[in-house]
Protein backbone atom coordinates (compact mmCIF):
# COMPACT_ATOMS: atom_id res chain seq x y z
CA MET A 1 -0.07 0.02 0.03
CA THR A 2 1.25 3.49 -0.85
CA SER A 3 0.56 6.46 1.27
CA PRO A 4 1.28 10.16 1.45
CA ALA A 5 4.73 11.24 2.61
CA TRP A 6 3.24 14.18 4.38
CA LEU A 7 -0.23 15.23 5.44
CA GLY A 8 -1.56 18.83 6.03
CA ILE A 9 -4.58 18.95 8.30
CA GLY A 10 -5.43 22.69 8.90
CA ALA A 11 -6.50 25.17 9.86
CA GLN A 12 -8.73 26.75 7.24
CA ARG A 13 -7.95 30.30 6.28
CA SER A 14 -4.46 30.07 7.84
CA GLY A 15 -2.36 30.22 4.58
CA THR A 16 -2.48 26.55 3.75
CA THR A 17 -2.83 27.07 -0.06
CA TRP A 18 -0.06 29.61 -0.03
CA LEU A 19 2.25 27.43 2.09
CA THR A 20 1.54 24.30 0.11
CA ASP A 21 2.44 26.12 -3.02
CA LEU A 22 5.71 27.06 -1.38
CA LEU A 23 6.46 23.56 -0.20
CA CYS A 24 5.95 22.17 -3.65
CA GLN A 25 8.56 24.56 -5.04
CA HIS A 26 11.06 21.68 -4.01
CA PRO A 27 11.73 19.54 -6.88
CA SER A 28 11.18 16.38 -5.00
CA VAL A 29 8.05 17.45 -2.97
CA GLY A 30 4.72 17.42 -4.63
CA LEU A 31 0.92 16.49 -4.51
CA GLY A 32 -0.98 13.43 -5.33
CA ASN A 33 -0.93 12.35 -8.93
CA ASN A 34 -4.38 14.10 -9.62
CA GLY A 35 -2.63 17.46 -8.70
CA LYS A 36 -5.00 18.51 -6.00
CA LYS A 37 -4.02 20.25 -2.97
CA GLU A 38 -7.07 19.13 -1.09
CA GLN A 39 -8.24 15.57 -1.43
CA HIS A 40 -11.24 15.64 1.08
CA LEU A 41 -10.90 11.80 1.33
CA LEU A 42 -9.48 10.76 4.66
CA HIS A 43 -12.74 11.53 6.58
CA LYS A 44 -14.64 9.74 3.82
CA VAL A 45 -12.62 6.59 4.08
CA GLY A 46 -12.97 6.74 7.94
CA ASP A 47 -16.71 7.09 7.63
CA GLY A 48 -16.90 4.13 5.05
CA VAL A 49 -18.11 6.38 2.21
CA GLU A 50 -14.89 5.77 0.05
CA PRO A 51 -12.56 2.72 -0.15
CA LEU A 52 -9.09 3.06 1.17
CA SER A 53 -7.72 2.39 -2.28
CA ALA A 54 -9.31 5.61 -3.51
CA TYR A 55 -6.90 7.56 -1.40
CA THR A 56 -3.78 5.47 -1.31
CA SER A 57 -3.56 5.24 -5.05
CA LEU A 58 -3.02 8.91 -5.35
CA PHE A 59 0.38 8.64 -3.80
CA PRO A 60 2.67 6.41 -6.00
CA ASP A 61 6.24 5.39 -4.79
CA ASP A 62 8.05 7.52 -7.42
CA GLY A 63 10.65 9.27 -5.57
CA ILE A 64 8.46 12.41 -5.04
CA ALA A 65 7.45 13.14 -1.46
CA ARG A 66 3.83 13.47 -2.35
CA GLY A 67 1.13 14.74 0.11
CA GLU A 68 -2.00 16.92 0.36
CA TRP A 69 -3.43 19.58 2.54
CA THR A 70 -7.13 19.55 3.47
CA PRO A 71 -7.86 21.91 6.18
CA GLN A 72 -11.22 20.17 7.07
CA TYR A 73 -9.17 17.32 8.51
CA LEU A 74 -8.25 19.26 11.54
CA ARG A 75 -11.77 19.46 12.94
CA HIS A 76 -13.16 16.13 11.44
CA SER A 77 -13.19 13.50 14.22
CA SER A 78 -13.18 10.48 11.55
CA ALA A 79 -9.82 11.73 10.10
CA PRO A 80 -7.29 11.24 12.84
CA PHE A 81 -7.39 7.42 13.28
CA THR A 82 -7.75 6.94 9.47
CA ALA A 83 -4.57 8.85 9.13
CA ALA A 84 -2.92 6.67 11.78
CA ARG A 85 -3.91 3.67 9.70
CA VAL A 86 -2.74 5.01 6.43
CA LEU A 87 0.40 7.07 7.06
CA GLY A 88 3.82 5.63 7.21
CA PRO A 89 5.83 5.92 10.34
CA ASP A 90 7.90 8.79 9.14
CA ALA A 91 5.24 10.96 7.46
CA PRO A 92 5.01 14.30 9.31
CA VAL A 93 1.58 15.84 10.05
CA LEU A 94 1.41 19.51 9.44
CA ALA A 95 -0.84 22.28 10.83
CA ILE A 96 -0.51 26.04 10.62
CA LEU A 97 -2.83 28.11 13.10
CA ARG A 98 -3.81 31.66 12.83
CA ASP A 99 -5.23 34.06 15.34
CA PRO A 100 -8.60 32.32 15.84
CA VAL A 101 -10.72 35.48 15.77
CA GLU A 102 -8.95 36.69 12.60
CA ARG A 103 -9.33 33.25 11.16
CA PHE A 104 -13.08 33.25 11.76
CA LEU A 105 -13.60 36.66 10.15
CA SER A 106 -11.46 35.57 7.16
CA ALA A 107 -13.62 32.47 6.76
CA MET A 108 -16.83 34.54 6.78
CA ARG A 109 -15.24 36.89 4.16
CA LEU A 110 -14.55 33.93 1.91
CA ALA A 111 -18.15 32.78 2.27
CA ALA A 112 -19.27 36.16 1.28
CA THR A 113 -16.84 36.11 -1.62
CA ARG A 114 -18.19 32.85 -2.91
CA ALA A 115 -21.75 34.26 -2.59
CA LYS A 116 -23.33 31.14 -1.29
CA SER A 117 -27.05 31.68 -0.53
CA PRO A 118 -28.33 32.77 1.78
CA TRP A 119 -25.51 34.87 3.38
CA PRO A 120 -23.53 32.78 5.74
CA TYR A 121 -26.04 32.08 8.40
CA PRO A 122 -26.38 29.93 10.58
CA VAL A 123 -24.48 26.74 9.77
CA PRO A 124 -21.27 28.45 8.56
CA ILE A 125 -21.13 30.59 11.74
CA THR A 126 -21.44 27.45 13.93
CA VAL A 127 -18.93 25.49 12.01
CA GLN A 128 -16.42 28.37 11.79
CA THR A 129 -16.79 29.01 15.51
CA PHE A 130 -15.73 25.39 16.29
CA SER A 131 -12.87 25.67 13.68
CA GLY A 132 -10.89 27.95 16.13
CA PHE A 133 -10.86 25.23 18.83
CA TYR A 134 -7.34 24.38 17.89
CA ALA A 135 -6.12 22.88 21.25
CA ASP A 136 -8.98 20.43 21.28
CA GLN A 137 -8.47 19.50 17.68
CA LEU A 138 -4.72 19.05 18.15
CA ALA A 139 -5.17 16.84 21.07
CA MET A 140 -7.56 14.64 19.07
CA TRP A 141 -4.77 14.20 16.37
CA ALA A 142 -1.90 13.70 18.79
CA ASN A 143 -3.93 11.06 20.45
CA ALA A 144 -4.39 9.13 17.16
CA VAL A 145 -1.00 9.70 15.12
CA GLY A 146 1.39 10.53 17.88
CA ARG A 147 2.54 14.00 18.91
CA ASP A 148 6.20 13.40 17.78
CA ARG A 149 5.22 13.34 14.18
CA MET A 150 3.22 16.77 14.38
CA LEU A 151 4.65 19.94 13.11
CA VAL A 152 2.60 22.79 14.26
CA LEU A 153 3.31 26.24 12.69
CA VAL A 154 2.03 29.68 13.67
CA TYR A 155 0.63 31.48 10.57
CA GLU A 156 1.94 34.95 11.58
CA GLU A 157 5.43 33.61 12.16
CA VAL A 158 5.40 31.80 8.77
CA ARG A 159 4.40 35.12 7.00
CA ARG A 160 7.29 36.83 8.57
CA ASP A 161 9.78 34.09 7.59
CA PRO A 162 8.37 31.51 5.05
CA GLN A 163 11.75 30.21 4.23
CA ALA A 164 12.34 29.08 7.74
CA ALA A 165 8.96 27.28 7.72
CA ALA A 166 9.61 25.56 4.47
CA ASP A 167 13.10 24.47 5.69
CA ARG A 168 11.46 22.83 8.78
CA VAL A 169 9.07 20.89 6.70
CA TRP A 170 11.56 19.80 4.00
CA ALA A 171 13.95 18.70 6.89
CA ALA A 172 11.13 16.59 8.36
CA LEU A 173 10.85 14.99 4.68
CA GLY A 174 14.64 14.47 4.56
CA ARG A 175 15.03 16.99 1.89
CA THR A 176 17.53 19.69 1.41
CA ARG A 177 16.85 23.43 1.42
CA VAL A 178 16.08 25.34 -1.74
CA ARG A 179 15.57 28.94 -2.07
CA LEU A 180 11.90 30.11 -2.21
CA GLN A 181 10.66 32.15 -5.04
CA ASP A 182 7.60 34.39 -5.34
CA VAL A 183 6.71 34.30 -1.64
CA ASP A 184 4.26 37.24 -1.77
CA ARG A 185 2.34 35.82 -4.72
CA PRO A 186 -1.58 36.08 -3.71
CA SER A 187 -3.11 32.91 -2.62
CA ARG A 188 -5.56 31.28 -5.11
CA SER A 189 -8.08 31.22 -2.24
CA SER A 190 -7.92 34.87 -1.30
CA SER A 191 -11.29 36.56 -0.21
CA HIS A 192 -12.37 39.78 -1.76
CA ALA A 193 -15.77 40.55 -0.16
CA SER A 194 -16.33 42.27 3.12
CA TRP A 195 -18.44 40.79 6.06
CA THR A 196 -19.58 42.68 9.19
CA PRO A 197 -20.00 40.61 12.33
CA PRO A 198 -23.19 40.94 14.37
CA GLU A 199 -22.87 42.99 17.66
CA GLY A 200 -21.15 41.05 20.23
CA LEU A 201 -19.95 38.21 18.13
CA VAL A 202 -16.26 39.04 18.26
CA GLU A 203 -16.34 39.38 21.92
CA SER A 204 -18.01 36.06 22.34
CA LEU A 205 -15.21 34.55 20.22
CA ARG A 206 -12.46 36.08 22.38
CA VAL A 207 -14.03 34.50 25.49
CA LEU A 208 -14.46 31.14 23.84
CA TYR A 209 -10.86 31.07 22.29
CA ARG A 210 -8.81 32.47 25.17
CA PRO A 211 -8.50 29.01 27.04
CA GLN A 212 -7.61 27.33 23.68
CA VAL A 213 -4.97 29.86 23.09
CA GLU A 214 -3.51 29.31 26.57
CA ARG A 215 -3.24 25.54 26.02
CA LEU A 216 -1.54 26.06 22.84
CA ALA A 217 1.18 28.15 24.51
CA THR A 218 1.52 25.61 27.44
CA ASP A 219 0.87 22.29 25.82
CA TRP A 220 2.38 22.85 22.38
CA ASP A 221 5.00 25.56 23.27
CA LEU A 222 3.81 27.91 20.57
CA ASP A 223 4.54 31.61 20.52
CA VAL A 224 1.10 33.18 20.05
CA SER A 225 2.09 36.65 21.15
CA SER A 226 1.17 37.92 17.78
CA TRP A 227 -2.53 36.95 18.11
CA GLN A 228 -3.66 40.38 19.39
CA THR A 229 -7.20 40.20 18.25
CA VAL A 230 -8.10 37.42 20.56
CA ARG A 231 -6.54 39.35 23.51
CA ALA A 232 -8.21 42.67 22.60
């Protein structure tokens, strides 16, 4: 059975498309053989909706460290143990996390950009609220795949020094460093619409997320000092 050499699991609206593009600038790092960044299959395999072969066949053993990055996996409870069953012992599991309040607002702007009807209410608000519970979601994944293989990045730090972030991932894959190009190229998933949160929503999010942020600092030793919106 073949399997991905690396797996990106989240978080949505945290630069995953941008970072994946940068990682794939390495000549021996790539995506599955269908060229998709997001496969949206691990949870379906876990739920019995798709066969395992539909996923593993995407990652041939051809000398390229092939992987994928589906942000939905981070919050999906069927994905972690499916990943533990599929991944090889050396395959890193990658996550990049953004200030959770800013991440929520970005997700709602993207929903407005895509103009799904009606305007994002109420399911997207509920889903996007839970999407910021990073500490709980990471604990779920660490329990399934093992903490040692997880590489958790802070979006704001990666934006400041994308080369250092790419070097960490490539090193985890046993790849040598290459110089990144076009690091400021806009993401293919950028949002262009505005969205005004209802009164009190942002304050509610701050209250919800503060315990999560504290656990990220203590349990995962992440520097989240740049997350000023959640502390305002």
